[in-house]
Amino acid sequence: MAAPEGSTGTTILVRPATSERFDDVATMLGPRNPTSNVCWCLSHRVDARTNRELVGPARRQYVRELTGRSVAPGVLAYDGAEVVGWAAVAPRAELPFEHSTRIPHVDGLPVWSLWCIRVRPGHRGQGIAHALVSGAVDYAASQGAPAVEGYPVDNEGRRVDLTMAYVGTRSLFEKAGFSWAADTASVSGGIRRVLMRRALD
């Protein structure tokens, strides 16, 4: 997939997060302390009870198993051989979003959700987030998704706190061909989120 050039002057490539790339997934999502109970991008992938029960190394193992399934749990961005980004994308029916009271269903389509976009420090501002969104859409399309949804903040140009920036911004999704589909009752970092949708052929 064509993308902006990275820091090394190479094209940013986006690839599925398969088992052979698990070390790169761990680089993007894992804590420095392996016993820490950090997200591992699981807080919106599994139900609240499972999220609480997965402690320390069990979180790493759960994500390792996800990468071994026939459908990858997301995509990775590479600047040459270096992993520089991650985006989580999966069928909404498999996620807590399916039963969310804050993020509505637009219709009955079996849509996919794109809910987490992370770029490594030192690589931001190089178009990697744009490459990740496009790559996640391409991956969902390759798996037969009829449409992809995102739930970014509608920040209207205001600065977004980096700890909450993983949800993306409305303009980021608009540049990737998404359109507003609905308002939500969800907020991130004090900013309301909107439901953006892109139909796929």
C-alpha atoms as a PDB file:
ATOM      1  CA  MET A   1       0.000   0.000   0.000  1.00  0.00           C
ATOM      2  CA  ALA A   2       1.410   3.403  -0.974  1.00  0.00           C
ATOM      3  CA  ALA A   3       1.880   5.769   1.949  1.00  0.00           C
ATOM      4  CA  PRO A   4       3.895   8.803   3.035  1.00  0.00           C
ATOM      5  CA  GLU A   5       7.623   8.426   3.456  1.00  0.00           C
ATOM      6  CA  GLY A   6       8.904   7.697   6.942  1.00  0.00           C
ATOM      7  CA  SER A   7      11.946   8.995   8.777  1.00  0.00           C
ATOM      8  CA  THR A   8      14.284   6.736   6.802  1.00  0.00           C
ATOM      9  CA  GLY A   9      12.883   7.932   3.484  1.00  0.00           C
ATOM     10  CA  THR A  10      11.200   4.589   2.873  1.00  0.00           C
ATOM     11  CA  THR A  11       7.509   4.099   2.184  1.00  0.00           C
ATOM     12  CA  ILE A  12       5.343   3.235   5.189  1.00  0.00           C
ATOM     13  CA  LEU A  13       3.920  -0.251   4.670  1.00  0.00           C
ATOM     14  CA  VAL A  14       0.983  -1.686   6.599  1.00  0.00           C
ATOM     15  CA  ARG A  15       0.718  -5.420   7.265  1.00  0.00           C
ATOM     16  CA  PRO A  16      -1.703  -7.687   9.199  1.00  0.00           C
ATOM     17  CA  ALA A  17      -0.679  -8.406  12.796  1.00  0.00           C
ATOM     18  CA  THR A  18      -0.165 -12.138  12.322  1.00  0.00           C
ATOM     19  CA  SER A  19       1.622 -14.537  14.677  1.00  0.00           C
ATOM     20  CA  GLU A  20       4.980 -14.170  12.938  1.00  0.00           C
ATOM     21  CA  ARG A  21       4.772 -10.452  13.710  1.00  0.00           C
ATOM     22  CA  PHE A  22       3.853 -10.901  17.376  1.00  0.00           C
ATOM     23  CA  ASP A  23       7.132  -9.421  18.603  1.00  0.00           C
ATOM     24  CA  ASP A  24       6.236  -6.236  16.732  1.00  0.00           C
ATOM     25  CA  VAL A  25       2.748  -6.278  18.276  1.00  0.00           C
ATOM     26  CA  ALA A  26       4.419  -6.568  21.685  1.00  0.00           C
ATOM     27  CA  THR A  27       6.677  -3.627  20.843  1.00  0.00           C
ATOM     28  CA  MET A  28       3.616  -1.511  20.102  1.00  0.00           C
ATOM     29  CA  LEU A  29       1.316  -2.693  22.896  1.00  0.00           C
ATOM     30  CA  GLY A  30       3.346  -4.345  25.634  1.00  0.00           C
ATOM     31  CA  PRO A  31       4.561  -2.697  28.858  1.00  0.00           C
ATOM     32  CA  ARG A  32       8.211  -2.427  29.858  1.00  0.00           C
ATOM     33  CA  ASN A  33       7.308  -4.391  32.973  1.00  0.00           C
ATOM     34  CA  PRO A  34       5.744  -7.693  31.795  1.00  0.00           C
ATOM     35  CA  THR A  35       3.744  -8.022  35.030  1.00  0.00           C
ATOM     36  CA  SER A  36       1.954  -4.698  34.500  1.00  0.00           C
ATOM     37  CA  ASN A  37      -1.783  -4.751  33.878  1.00  0.00           C
ATOM     38  CA  VAL A  38      -1.778  -2.347  30.953  1.00  0.00           C
ATOM     39  CA  CYS A  39      -4.298  -2.358  28.148  1.00  0.00           C
ATOM     40  CA  TRP A  40      -2.562  -4.439  25.414  1.00  0.00           C
ATOM     41  CA  CYS A  41      -5.456  -2.969  23.357  1.00  0.00           C
ATOM     42  CA  LEU A  42      -7.875  -5.317  25.132  1.00  0.00           C
ATOM     43  CA  SER A  43     -10.129  -2.902  27.019  1.00  0.00           C
ATOM     44  CA  HIS A  44     -12.421  -2.480  24.002  1.00  0.00           C
ATOM     45  CA  ARG A  45     -11.860  -5.957  22.541  1.00  0.00           C
ATOM     46  CA  VAL A  46     -13.056  -8.126  25.433  1.00  0.00           C
ATOM     47  CA  ASP A  47     -15.882  -7.787  27.934  1.00  0.00           C
ATOM     48  CA  ALA A  48     -15.230  -6.049  31.245  1.00  0.00           C
ATOM     49  CA  ARG A  49     -15.047  -9.278  33.259  1.00  0.00           C
ATOM     50  CA  THR A  50     -12.493 -10.866  30.934  1.00  0.00           C
ATOM     51  CA  ASN A  51     -10.510  -7.639  30.912  1.00  0.00           C
ATOM     52  CA  ARG A  52     -10.309  -7.729  34.712  1.00  0.00           C
ATOM     53  CA  GLU A  53      -9.367 -11.413  34.811  1.00  0.00           C
ATOM     54  CA  LEU A  54      -6.502 -11.086  32.339  1.00  0.00           C
ATOM     55  CA  VAL A  55      -3.653 -10.089  34.628  1.00  0.00           C
ATOM     56  CA  GLY A  56      -0.026  -9.347  33.757  1.00  0.00           C
ATOM     57  CA  PRO A  57       1.513 -11.952  31.417  1.00  0.00           C
ATOM     58  CA  ALA A  58      -1.947 -13.408  30.696  1.00  0.00           C
ATOM     59  CA  ARG A  59      -2.725 -10.299  28.674  1.00  0.00           C
ATOM     60  CA  ARG A  60       0.332 -10.878  26.491  1.00  0.00           C
ATOM     61  CA  GLN A  61      -0.648 -14.511  25.976  1.00  0.00           C
ATOM     62  CA  TYR A  62      -4.198 -13.571  25.035  1.00  0.00           C
ATOM     63  CA  VAL A  63      -2.963 -11.192  22.350  1.00  0.00           C
ATOM     64  CA  ARG A  64      -0.465 -13.795  21.122  1.00  0.00           C
ATOM     65  CA  GLU A  65      -3.380 -16.184  20.619  1.00  0.00           C
ATOM     66  CA  LEU A  66      -5.325 -13.484  18.788  1.00  0.00           C
ATOM     67  CA  THR A  67      -2.493 -13.100  16.282  1.00  0.00           C
ATOM     68  CA  GLY A  68      -2.640 -16.846  15.613  1.00  0.00           C
ATOM     69  CA  ARG A  69      -6.260 -16.778  14.461  1.00  0.00           C
ATOM     70  CA  SER A  70      -7.251 -16.779  10.814  1.00  0.00           C
ATOM     71  CA  VAL A  71      -8.265 -13.106  11.064  1.00  0.00           C
ATOM     72  CA  ALA A  72      -5.583 -10.807  12.491  1.00  0.00           C
ATOM     73  CA  PRO A  73      -6.564  -8.544  15.413  1.00  0.00           C
ATOM     74  CA  GLY A  74      -5.228  -5.463  13.679  1.00  0.00           C
ATOM     75  CA  VAL A  75      -2.518  -4.085  11.449  1.00  0.00           C
ATOM     76  CA  LEU A  76       1.058  -2.857  11.926  1.00  0.00           C
ATOM     77  CA  ALA A  77       2.851  -0.018  10.160  1.00  0.00           C
ATOM     78  CA  TYR A  78       6.513  -0.320   9.172  1.00  0.00           C
ATOM     79  CA  ASP A  79       9.102   2.283   8.287  1.00  0.00           C
ATOM     80  CA  GLY A  80      11.558  -0.018   6.549  1.00  0.00           C
ATOM     81  CA  ALA A  81      12.079  -2.926   8.953  1.00  0.00           C
ATOM     82  CA  GLU A  82      11.030  -0.928  12.027  1.00  0.00           C
ATOM     83  CA  VAL A  83       7.520  -1.232  13.409  1.00  0.00           C
ATOM     84  CA  VAL A  84       6.124   2.261  13.999  1.00  0.00           C
ATOM     85  CA  GLY A  85       2.361   1.907  14.379  1.00  0.00           C
ATOM     86  CA  TRP A  86      -0.646  -0.237  15.285  1.00  0.00           C
ATOM     87  CA  ALA A  87      -4.351  -0.091  14.514  1.00  0.00           C
ATOM     88  CA  ALA A  88      -7.002  -2.389  15.967  1.00  0.00           C
ATOM     89  CA  VAL A  89      -9.753  -3.466  13.579  1.00  0.00           C
ATOM     90  CA  ALA A  90     -12.270  -6.298  13.916  1.00  0.00           C
ATOM     91  CA  PRO A  91     -15.927  -7.171  13.298  1.00  0.00           C
ATOM     92  CA  ARG A  92     -18.087  -5.071  15.627  1.00  0.00           C
ATOM     93  CA  ALA A  93     -20.144  -8.177  16.470  1.00  0.00           C
ATOM     94  CA  GLU A  94     -17.081  -9.622  18.263  1.00  0.00           C
ATOM     95  CA  LEU A  95     -16.498  -6.523  20.397  1.00  0.00           C
ATOM     96  CA  PRO A  96     -18.121  -4.813  23.381  1.00  0.00           C
ATOM     97  CA  PHE A  97     -19.137  -2.055  20.941  1.00  0.00           C
ATOM     98  CA  GLU A  98     -21.818  -4.471  19.713  1.00  0.00           C
ATOM     99  CA  HIS A  99     -23.760  -3.939  22.957  1.00  0.00           C
ATOM    100  CA  SER A 100     -22.726  -0.359  23.658  1.00  0.00           C
ATOM    101  CA  THR A 101     -25.421   2.017  24.880  1.00  0.00           C
ATOM    102  CA  ARG A 102     -23.223   5.003  24.009  1.00  0.00           C
ATOM    103  CA  ILE A 103     -22.250   4.186  20.418  1.00  0.00           C
ATOM    104  CA  PRO A 104     -25.329   3.489  18.286  1.00  0.00           C
ATOM    105  CA  HIS A 105     -25.855   1.035  15.483  1.00  0.00           C
ATOM    106  CA  VAL A 106     -26.484   2.832  12.204  1.00  0.00           C
ATOM    107  CA  ASP A 107     -28.086  -0.187  10.556  1.00  0.00           C
ATOM    108  CA  GLY A 108     -27.927  -3.969  10.501  1.00  0.00           C
ATOM    109  CA  LEU A 109     -24.785  -4.306   8.388  1.00  0.00           C
ATOM    110  CA  PRO A 110     -22.073  -6.599   9.848  1.00  0.00           C
ATOM    111  CA  VAL A 111     -19.642  -3.693  10.030  1.00  0.00           C
ATOM    112  CA  TRP A 112     -16.075  -3.746  11.308  1.00  0.00           C
ATOM    113  CA  SER A 113     -14.819  -1.343  13.978  1.00  0.00           C
ATOM    114  CA  LEU A 114     -11.529   0.569  13.874  1.00  0.00           C
ATOM    115  CA  TRP A 115     -11.048   1.864  17.395  1.00  0.00           C
ATOM    116  CA  CYS A 116      -7.382   2.193  18.301  1.00  0.00           C
ATOM    117  CA  ILE A 117      -4.570   3.925  16.394  1.00  0.00           C
ATOM    118  CA  ARG A 118      -1.111   4.144  17.948  1.00  0.00           C
ATOM    119  CA  VAL A 119       2.073   5.652  16.547  1.00  0.00           C
ATOM    120  CA  ARG A 120       5.396   5.160  18.309  1.00  0.00           C
ATOM    121  CA  PRO A 121       6.964   8.216  19.941  1.00  0.00           C
ATOM    122  CA  GLY A 122       9.554   9.725  17.664  1.00  0.00           C
ATOM    123  CA  HIS A 123       7.542   8.833  14.558  1.00  0.00           C
ATOM    124  CA  ARG A 124       4.519  11.101  14.951  1.00  0.00           C
ATOM    125  CA  GLY A 125       3.723  13.784  12.418  1.00  0.00           C
ATOM    126  CA  GLN A 126       4.902  11.648   9.498  1.00  0.00           C
ATOM    127  CA  GLY A 127       1.534  10.467   8.170  1.00  0.00           C
ATOM    128  CA  ILE A 128       1.707   7.091   9.873  1.00  0.00           C
ATOM    129  CA  ALA A 129      -1.763   7.410  11.427  1.00  0.00           C
ATOM    130  CA  HIS A 130      -3.181   8.042   7.955  1.00  0.00           C
ATOM    131  CA  ALA A 131      -1.387   4.972   6.629  1.00  0.00           C
ATOM    132  CA  LEU A 132      -2.741   2.897   9.521  1.00  0.00           C
ATOM    133  CA  VAL A 133      -6.353   3.925   8.916  1.00  0.00           C
ATOM    134  CA  SER A 134      -6.063   3.185   5.196  1.00  0.00           C
ATOM    135  CA  GLY A 135      -4.308  -0.111   5.879  1.00  0.00           C
ATOM    136  CA  ALA A 136      -6.934  -1.183   8.410  1.00  0.00           C
ATOM    137  CA  VAL A 137      -9.685  -0.420   5.902  1.00  0.00           C
ATOM    138  CA  ASP A 138      -7.866  -2.422   3.232  1.00  0.00           C
ATOM    139  CA  TYR A 139      -7.502  -5.361   5.601  1.00  0.00           C
ATOM    140  CA  ALA A 140     -11.178  -5.290   6.580  1.00  0.00           C
ATOM    141  CA  ALA A 141     -12.118  -5.171   2.896  1.00  0.00           C
ATOM    142  CA  SER A 142      -9.891  -8.195   2.194  1.00  0.00           C
ATOM    143  CA  GLN A 143     -11.859 -10.098   4.845  1.00  0.00           C
ATOM    144  CA  GLY A 144     -15.222  -9.237   3.291  1.00  0.00           C
ATOM    145  CA  ALA A 145     -16.288  -6.367   5.534  1.00  0.00           C
ATOM    146  CA  PRO A 146     -19.157  -4.364   3.961  1.00  0.00           C
ATOM    147  CA  ALA A 147     -18.200  -1.218   5.866  1.00  0.00           C
ATOM    148  CA  VAL A 148     -15.818   0.059   8.534  1.00  0.00           C
ATOM    149  CA  GLU A 149     -16.715   2.332  11.441  1.00  0.00           C
ATOM    150  CA  GLY A 150     -14.530   4.542  13.616  1.00  0.00           C
ATOM    151  CA  TYR A 151     -15.452   6.438  16.771  1.00  0.00           C
ATOM    152  CA  PRO A 152     -13.076   9.433  16.828  1.00  0.00           C
ATOM    153  CA  VAL A 153     -13.321  12.682  18.725  1.00  0.00           C
ATOM    154  CA  ASP A 154     -14.866  15.656  16.926  1.00  0.00           C
ATOM    155  CA  ASN A 155     -12.206  18.016  18.250  1.00  0.00           C
ATOM    156  CA  GLU A 156     -12.752  20.802  15.694  1.00  0.00           C
ATOM    157  CA  GLY A 157      -9.039  21.518  15.567  1.00  0.00           C
ATOM    158  CA  ARG A 158      -8.536  21.558  19.337  1.00  0.00           C
ATOM    159  CA  ARG A 159      -5.517  19.790  20.793  1.00  0.00           C
ATOM    160  CA  VAL A 160      -6.193  16.200  21.878  1.00  0.00           C
ATOM    161  CA  ASP A 161      -4.403  14.785  24.918  1.00  0.00           C
ATOM    162  CA  LEU A 162      -1.951  12.128  23.718  1.00  0.00           C
ATOM    163  CA  THR A 163      -3.210   9.582  26.251  1.00  0.00           C
ATOM    164  CA  MET A 164      -6.651   9.735  24.611  1.00  0.00           C
ATOM    165  CA  ALA A 165      -5.512  10.309  21.027  1.00  0.00           C
ATOM    166  CA  TYR A 166      -5.740   6.588  20.211  1.00  0.00           C
ATOM    167  CA  VAL A 167      -9.377   7.035  19.170  1.00  0.00           C
ATOM    168  CA  GLY A 168      -8.355   9.323  16.311  1.00  0.00           C
ATOM    169  CA  THR A 169      -9.942  12.550  15.150  1.00  0.00           C
ATOM    170  CA  ARG A 170     -12.830  13.227  12.836  1.00  0.00           C
ATOM    171  CA  SER A 171     -10.525  14.886  10.298  1.00  0.00           C
ATOM    172  CA  LEU A 172      -8.212  11.855  10.266  1.00  0.00           C
ATOM    173  CA  PHE A 173     -11.124   9.619   9.311  1.00  0.00           C
ATOM    174  CA  GLU A 174     -12.526  12.117   6.821  1.00  0.00           C
ATOM    175  CA  LYS A 175      -9.198  12.170   4.995  1.00  0.00           C
ATOM    176  CA  ALA A 176      -9.461   8.384   4.709  1.00  0.00           C
ATOM    177  CA  GLY A 177     -12.868   8.581   3.012  1.00  0.00           C
ATOM    178  CA  PHE A 178     -15.104   8.182   6.076  1.00  0.00           C
ATOM    179  CA  SER A 179     -18.271  10.219   6.520  1.00  0.00           C
ATOM    180  CA  TRP A 180     -20.242  11.199   9.594  1.00  0.00           C
ATOM    181  CA  ALA A 181     -22.943   8.611  10.253  1.00  0.00           C
ATOM    182  CA  ALA A 182     -24.195   9.400  13.766  1.00  0.00           C
ATOM    183  CA  ASP A 183     -23.491  11.266  16.962  1.00  0.00           C
ATOM    184  CA  THR A 184     -22.633   9.206  20.031  1.00  0.00           C
ATOM    185  CA  ALA A 185     -23.060   9.568  23.773  1.00  0.00           C
ATOM    186  CA  SER A 186     -19.390   8.746  24.264  1.00  0.00           C
ATOM    187  CA  VAL A 187     -16.596  11.170  25.070  1.00  0.00           C
ATOM    188  CA  SER A 188     -12.819  10.818  25.142  1.00  0.00           C
ATOM    189  CA  GLY A 189     -10.653  13.276  27.018  1.00  0.00           C
ATOM    190  CA  GLY A 190     -13.720  15.434  27.532  1.00  0.00           C
ATOM    191  CA  ILE A 191     -14.425  15.689  23.786  1.00  0.00           C
ATOM    192  CA  ARG A 192     -17.481  14.146  22.216  1.00  0.00           C
ATOM    193  CA  ARG A 193     -17.023  11.264  19.815  1.00  0.00           C
ATOM    194  CA  VAL A 194     -18.827  10.731  16.530  1.00  0.00           C
ATOM    195  CA  LEU A 195     -19.483   7.615  14.512  1.00  0.00           C
ATOM    196  CA  MET A 196     -17.733   7.731  11.139  1.00  0.00           C
ATOM    197  CA  ARG A 197     -18.514   5.174   8.450  1.00  0.00           C
ATOM    198  CA  ARG A 198     -16.896   4.126   5.191  1.00  0.00           C
ATOM    199  CA  ALA A 199     -18.742   1.754   2.888  1.00  0.00           C
ATOM    200  CA  LEU A 200     -16.677  -0.860   1.054  1.00  0.00           C
ATOM    201  CA  ASP A 201     -17.326  -2.510  -2.290  1.00  0.00           C
END
